[in-house]
Amino acid sequence: MSPGFDSSSGGSGLPGVGGQGRRGSALPGGTVTFAFTDIEESTHLIRQCGDRYADLLVEHRRIIRGAFGAANGIEIDRQGDAFFFAFPRARDAVGAAVDVQRAHRLTSWPDGVAVRVRIGLHTGEPAVGEEGYLGIDVVRAARICNVARGGQILLSETTRALVRSALADGVSAVPAGVWHLKDMDGPERIYNLAVDGEETSEPDDPGEGRVQIPPGWGREIEERFGKAGGRLVANINGRLADSLDANGRRSTTARAVAKDENLEHLAARAVDSLEDKLRARASAALRAAHLSRRTI
C-alpha cells in the first residue's frame, strides 16, 4: 500500500487526514527530516489474517509510534497502516527507522505472517504554514517511500549526508542508484540502509524510475572487461544522470536516451568503443615487446 496521504499536490502543505494532523505552531521548524511508512502488500495480509488483521494493525501502530515517539518524532498524519512523521534531527529519524524494522522482524505476527514495512526519509527546510508544512520536501519524502520495498529504509542524499558519520553499529548506507521520482523536477540519489547484514534488494520502479542502464547489461559489461568494464558502466550511468538539464527536467534528448532501445544502443556503442581501445592497447603492447626483443 502506498502512503495514504495526498502527496500529489506538487508542493502544497499536507494538512491532517481524519483529524490526525498538527497545526503549524506545534511542528518542528528549520531543518526537518520527514518519514513516511506503510506496510507492503497490506491487502494480501488482510485476506490472509481476516479478523486478526485488526490485532496486527494495532501492534504495527504501537511499534511505529513507540519507536518514532521515543526519538522525538512528531506524528503529523496517519491513514490506514501508513504514517507521516517529522523529526528535528536526521540522526534520530534514522535510528528510529532502524528500530522499527528490527521490531517488525522480531515480532510474532498472527498466523505467522511477515509484516514488512517500507520507510522513506528525506531532510529539508520546509516552510511551516498555519495548517502544516509547505514545500516540495514533504512530497519528495513520500515519493522515496513509494519506491521502497518491504523491509527497506530508503534515504535521500541529503539525509544520508547528515548521518553518514553517525550510523549505529550494524547499519550502513548502500547506494541504490539515481532515480527520477514521480512529479519531482530532478534526479534523486537514493541510499538503502542495510540493517544487521540484511540483504538489500533493488527498490521498486514506478513510472520513470532509476536513471541508469539495466543491471543485466552492466553485469555483462563488467564480466567481459573486468575493472575497465566497471568504470565504463559507471561512466554511462553518470552520462545518463547528467543528461537531465540544468533545471533537473528531462530534455527531449534525455527522454529518447532513456528508452530501452536507445539505452541498448548506447551501451553497445560504448562496448564497441571499449573493445577498440583494448585491442589498440594490446597491439601497442605487442609491438613494444617485439621491438624490445629485437634490441636485445
Protein backbone atom coordinates (compact mmCIF):
# COMPACT_ATOMS: atom_id res chain seq x y z
CA MET A 1 0.00 0.00 0.00
CA SER A 2 1.33 3.43 -0.85
CA PRO A 3 1.45 6.09 1.84
CA GLY A 4 -2.17 7.15 2.13
CA PHE A 5 -1.62 10.89 2.02
CA ASP A 6 -2.33 13.48 -0.60
CA SER A 7 1.31 13.81 -1.65
CA SER A 8 0.40 14.62 -5.24
CA SER A 9 -0.15 18.30 -4.54
CA GLY A 10 3.20 19.25 -6.03
CA GLY A 11 4.47 21.14 -3.01
CA SER A 12 1.34 22.29 -1.19
CA GLY A 13 1.04 21.65 2.51
CA LEU A 14 -0.25 18.32 3.78
CA PRO A 15 -2.96 19.08 6.32
CA GLY A 16 -4.15 16.32 8.59
CA VAL A 17 -6.35 13.49 7.39
CA GLY A 18 -9.10 12.36 9.70
CA GLY A 19 -8.10 14.85 12.36
CA GLN A 20 -4.61 13.42 12.78
CA GLY A 21 -2.64 16.42 11.53
CA ARG A 22 -0.96 19.07 13.70
CA ARG A 23 -1.16 22.79 13.13
CA GLY A 24 1.95 24.77 12.31
CA SER A 25 2.55 26.07 15.81
CA ALA A 26 3.14 22.51 17.09
CA LEU A 27 5.56 21.47 14.35
CA PRO A 28 9.37 21.49 14.45
CA GLY A 29 10.82 24.15 12.16
CA GLY A 30 14.17 24.78 10.50
CA THR A 31 15.87 21.63 9.19
CA VAL A 32 13.39 18.77 9.46
CA THR A 33 13.57 15.11 8.49
CA PHE A 34 10.33 13.63 7.19
CA ALA A 35 9.49 9.94 7.48
CA PHE A 36 6.76 8.12 5.58
CA THR A 37 5.96 4.48 6.29
CA ASP A 38 3.48 1.86 5.18
CA ILE A 39 3.02 -1.91 5.09
CA GLU A 40 3.89 -3.75 1.89
CA GLU A 41 1.03 -5.82 0.43
CA SER A 42 -1.33 -4.94 3.27
CA THR A 43 -4.36 -6.04 1.21
CA HIS A 44 -2.86 -9.53 0.97
CA LEU A 45 -2.36 -9.55 4.75
CA ILE A 46 -6.00 -8.55 5.29
CA ARG A 47 -7.13 -11.54 3.21
CA GLN A 48 -4.70 -13.87 4.93
CA CYS A 49 -5.40 -12.81 8.52
CA GLY A 50 -9.09 -11.97 8.27
CA ASP A 51 -10.44 -10.59 11.56
CA ARG A 52 -7.00 -10.95 13.16
CA TYR A 53 -5.66 -8.20 10.91
CA ALA A 54 -7.08 -5.70 13.40
CA ASP A 55 -4.72 -7.05 16.07
CA LEU A 56 -1.85 -6.94 13.61
CA LEU A 57 -2.58 -3.31 12.81
CA VAL A 58 -2.74 -2.37 16.49
CA GLU A 59 0.70 -3.88 17.08
CA HIS A 60 2.14 -2.26 13.95
CA ARG A 61 0.93 1.15 15.07
CA ARG A 62 2.28 0.56 18.57
CA ILE A 63 5.74 -0.19 17.17
CA ILE A 64 5.77 2.85 14.86
CA ARG A 65 4.54 5.28 17.49
CA GLY A 66 6.76 3.82 20.20
CA ALA A 67 9.99 3.94 18.18
CA PHE A 68 9.34 7.28 16.48
CA GLY A 69 7.94 8.93 19.60
CA ALA A 70 10.95 7.85 21.68
CA ALA A 71 13.21 9.55 19.10
CA ASN A 72 11.34 12.89 19.33
CA GLY A 73 9.33 12.23 16.20
CA ILE A 74 6.10 14.18 15.79
CA GLU A 75 3.17 12.32 14.25
CA ILE A 76 1.81 14.56 11.52
CA ASP A 77 -0.71 12.21 9.97
CA ARG A 78 -1.92 8.62 9.73
CA GLN A 79 -4.17 6.82 7.31
CA GLY A 80 -4.74 3.09 7.46
CA ASP A 81 -1.36 1.44 8.01
CA ALA A 82 0.59 4.48 6.72
CA PHE A 83 2.26 7.13 8.88
CA PHE A 84 3.80 10.55 8.31
CA PHE A 85 6.25 11.81 10.97
CA ALA A 86 8.62 14.77 11.31
CA PHE A 87 11.89 14.76 13.25
CA PRO A 88 14.01 17.73 14.37
CA ARG A 89 17.18 15.65 13.79
CA ALA A 90 18.05 13.33 10.92
CA ARG A 91 20.07 11.05 13.20
CA ASP A 92 17.02 10.43 15.39
CA ALA A 93 14.83 9.68 12.37
CA VAL A 94 17.30 7.12 11.02
CA GLY A 95 17.77 5.47 14.41
CA ALA A 96 14.01 5.22 14.91
CA ALA A 97 13.53 3.75 11.43
CA VAL A 98 16.13 1.07 12.21
CA ASP A 99 14.33 0.27 15.49
CA VAL A 100 11.04 -0.05 13.62
CA GLN A 101 12.46 -2.56 11.14
CA ARG A 102 14.15 -4.60 13.86
CA ALA A 103 10.96 -4.69 15.93
CA HIS A 104 8.84 -5.81 13.00
CA ARG A 105 11.29 -8.62 12.22
CA LEU A 106 11.28 -9.84 15.84
CA THR A 107 7.52 -9.67 16.44
CA SER A 108 5.39 -12.82 16.29
CA TRP A 109 2.57 -11.82 13.98
CA PRO A 110 -0.85 -13.53 13.67
CA ASP A 111 -0.85 -16.71 11.60
CA GLY A 112 2.94 -16.50 11.25
CA VAL A 113 2.76 -13.82 8.57
CA ALA A 114 5.64 -11.41 7.91
CA VAL A 115 4.81 -7.72 8.24
CA ARG A 116 7.22 -5.84 6.02
CA VAL A 117 7.33 -2.07 6.37
CA ARG A 118 8.57 0.43 3.79
CA ILE A 119 10.19 3.61 5.10
CA GLY A 120 11.30 6.70 3.19
CA LEU A 121 13.30 9.56 4.76
CA HIS A 122 14.19 12.99 3.41
CA THR A 123 15.59 16.09 5.09
CA GLY A 124 14.79 19.66 4.09
CA GLU A 125 13.93 23.12 5.33
CA PRO A 126 10.19 23.42 4.68
CA ALA A 127 8.07 26.44 5.45
CA VAL A 128 5.52 25.95 8.22
CA GLY A 129 2.08 27.36 7.49
CA GLU A 130 -0.96 27.66 9.69
CA GLU A 131 -2.19 24.21 8.66
CA GLY A 132 1.13 22.38 8.36
CA TYR A 133 4.28 22.02 6.30
CA LEU A 134 4.61 23.71 2.93
CA GLY A 135 7.03 22.78 0.17
CA ILE A 136 8.28 20.02 -2.05
CA ASP A 137 10.32 18.26 0.68
CA VAL A 138 7.23 16.53 2.03
CA VAL A 139 6.35 15.20 -1.42
CA ARG A 140 9.93 14.03 -2.01
CA ALA A 141 9.90 12.01 1.23
CA ALA A 142 6.64 10.33 0.22
CA ARG A 143 7.96 9.53 -3.24
CA ILE A 144 11.08 7.91 -1.75
CA CYS A 145 8.84 5.70 0.41
CA ASN A 146 6.86 4.79 -2.72
CA VAL A 147 9.91 3.19 -4.37
CA ALA A 148 10.95 1.22 -1.28
CA ARG A 149 10.30 -2.48 -0.86
CA GLY A 150 9.07 -4.09 2.33
CA GLY A 151 11.78 -4.14 4.99
CA GLN A 152 13.73 -1.28 3.40
CA ILE A 153 14.69 2.13 4.71
CA LEU A 154 15.48 4.48 1.83
CA LEU A 155 17.25 7.80 2.38
CA SER A 156 17.61 10.84 0.20
CA GLU A 157 21.14 12.05 -0.47
CA THR A 158 20.54 14.99 1.88
CA THR A 159 19.60 12.72 4.78
CA ARG A 160 22.45 10.35 4.09
CA ALA A 161 24.98 13.22 4.10
CA LEU A 162 23.78 14.29 7.56
CA VAL A 163 24.02 10.84 9.14
CA ARG A 164 26.84 9.10 7.25
CA SER A 165 29.32 9.53 10.13
CA ALA A 166 26.77 8.75 12.84
CA LEU A 167 25.28 5.41 11.76
CA ALA A 168 24.99 2.85 14.53
CA ASP A 169 26.85 -0.46 14.58
CA GLY A 170 25.36 -2.93 12.15
CA VAL A 171 23.91 -0.19 9.93
CA SER A 172 25.37 1.04 6.64
CA ALA A 173 24.11 3.21 3.77
CA VAL A 174 24.29 1.41 0.42
CA PRO A 175 23.85 3.33 -2.86
CA ALA A 176 20.57 2.40 -4.54
CA GLY A 177 21.07 4.37 -7.74
CA VAL A 178 19.87 7.63 -9.22
CA TRP A 179 16.09 7.83 -9.58
CA HIS A 180 13.68 10.15 -11.32
CA LEU A 181 10.78 10.21 -8.87
CA LYS A 182 7.22 10.93 -9.91
CA ASP A 183 6.44 14.67 -10.09
CA MET A 184 9.95 15.63 -8.98
CA ASP A 185 11.91 18.08 -11.12
CA GLY A 186 15.31 16.41 -10.96
CA PRO A 187 17.07 13.10 -10.34
CA GLU A 188 17.40 11.85 -6.78
CA ARG A 189 20.28 9.78 -5.45
CA ILE A 190 18.81 7.25 -3.04
CA TYR A 191 20.53 5.15 -0.39
CA ASN A 192 19.33 1.90 1.16
CA LEU A 193 20.08 1.31 4.82
CA ALA A 194 21.43 -2.20 5.35
CA VAL A 195 20.50 -3.26 8.88
CA ASP A 196 22.23 -6.14 10.70
CA GLY A 197 23.61 -7.59 7.48
CA GLU A 198 20.16 -7.97 5.92
CA GLU A 199 20.36 -8.38 2.17
CA THR A 200 19.23 -5.24 0.36
CA SER A 201 17.14 -5.62 -2.79
CA GLU A 202 16.52 -3.13 -5.56
CA PRO A 203 13.84 -0.51 -4.85
CA ASP A 204 10.68 -0.62 -6.94
CA ASP A 205 10.49 1.19 -10.26
CA PRO A 206 7.26 3.18 -10.52
CA GLY A 207 6.99 5.34 -13.62
CA GLU A 208 10.26 6.69 -14.96
CA GLY A 209 12.35 5.10 -12.21
CA ARG A 210 16.07 4.83 -11.83
CA VAL A 211 18.32 6.70 -14.21
CA GLN A 212 20.83 4.08 -15.31
CA ILE A 213 21.35 1.25 -17.77
CA PRO A 214 19.63 -2.06 -16.93
CA PRO A 215 21.61 -4.08 -14.33
CA GLY A 216 21.91 -7.11 -16.63
CA TRP A 217 23.78 -5.12 -19.26
CA GLY A 218 26.04 -3.64 -16.61
CA ARG A 219 26.92 -7.08 -15.25
CA GLU A 220 27.66 -8.41 -18.73
CA ILE A 221 29.98 -5.50 -19.48
CA GLU A 222 31.78 -5.93 -16.15
CA GLU A 223 32.18 -9.69 -16.69
CA ARG A 224 33.67 -9.16 -20.15
CA PHE A 225 36.03 -6.33 -19.29
CA GLY A 226 36.68 -6.50 -15.54
CA LYS A 227 37.65 -3.22 -13.88
CA ALA A 228 37.64 -1.37 -17.19
CA GLY A 229 34.07 -2.54 -17.74
CA GLY A 230 33.06 -1.40 -14.26
CA ARG A 231 34.43 2.06 -14.99
CA LEU A 232 32.56 2.07 -18.29
CA VAL A 233 29.24 1.21 -16.59
CA ALA A 234 29.74 3.97 -14.04
CA ASN A 235 30.58 6.39 -16.85
CA ILE A 236 27.45 5.50 -18.81
CA ASN A 237 25.24 5.85 -15.73
CA GLY A 238 26.84 9.19 -14.97
CA ARG A 239 26.16 10.36 -18.52
CA LEU A 240 22.52 9.35 -18.18
CA ALA A 241 22.14 11.25 -14.93
CA ASP A 242 23.91 14.28 -16.40
CA SER A 243 21.61 14.20 -19.43
CA LEU A 244 18.98 15.87 -17.27
CA ASP A 245 19.08 19.60 -17.97
CA ALA A 246 20.16 22.30 -15.52
CA ASN A 247 16.64 22.57 -14.10
CA GLY A 248 16.57 18.84 -13.45
CA ARG A 249 13.86 18.23 -16.05
CA ARG A 250 14.26 15.60 -18.76
CA SER A 251 15.01 17.22 -22.08
CA THR A 252 13.69 15.72 -25.33
CA THR A 253 17.09 14.14 -25.93
CA ALA A 254 17.23 12.72 -22.40
CA ARG A 255 13.79 11.14 -22.81
CA ALA A 256 14.94 9.48 -26.03
CA VAL A 257 18.11 8.19 -24.37
CA ALA A 258 16.07 6.78 -21.50
CA LYS A 259 14.10 4.48 -23.82
CA ASP A 260 15.27 0.88 -23.69
CA GLU A 261 16.22 0.62 -27.32
CA ASN A 262 18.34 3.74 -27.18
CA LEU A 263 19.93 2.67 -23.93
CA GLU A 264 20.85 -0.64 -25.51
CA HIS A 265 22.31 1.17 -28.50
CA LEU A 266 24.26 3.49 -26.20
CA ALA A 267 25.62 0.56 -24.21
CA ALA A 268 26.51 -1.39 -27.35
CA ARG A 269 28.28 1.61 -28.83
CA ALA A 270 30.24 2.10 -25.63
CA VAL A 271 31.22 -1.60 -25.54
CA ASP A 272 32.41 -1.45 -29.16
CA SER A 273 34.45 1.64 -28.35
CA LEU A 274 36.00 -0.07 -25.34
CA GLU A 275 36.83 -3.16 -27.40
CA ASP A 276 38.57 -0.98 -29.98
CA LYS A 277 40.58 0.75 -27.26
CA LEU A 278 41.57 -2.54 -25.62
CA ARG A 279 42.63 -4.00 -28.98
CA ALA A 280 44.71 -0.90 -29.71
CA ARG A 281 46.40 -1.13 -26.31
CA ALA A 282 47.10 -4.84 -26.79
CA SER A 283 48.57 -4.20 -30.24
CA ALA A 284 50.75 -1.41 -28.89
CA ALA A 285 51.98 -3.64 -26.08
CA LEU A 286 52.83 -6.45 -28.52
CA ARG A 287 54.71 -4.06 -30.79
CA ALA A 288 56.66 -2.68 -27.83
CA ALA A 289 57.53 -6.20 -26.71
CA HIS A 290 58.61 -7.16 -30.22
CA LEU A 291 60.84 -4.10 -30.52
CA SER A 292 62.32 -4.78 -27.12
CA ARG A 293 63.30 -8.33 -28.13
CA ARG A 294 64.89 -7.06 -31.36
CA THR A 295 67.14 -4.58 -29.50
CA ILE A 296 68.46 -7.12 -27.03
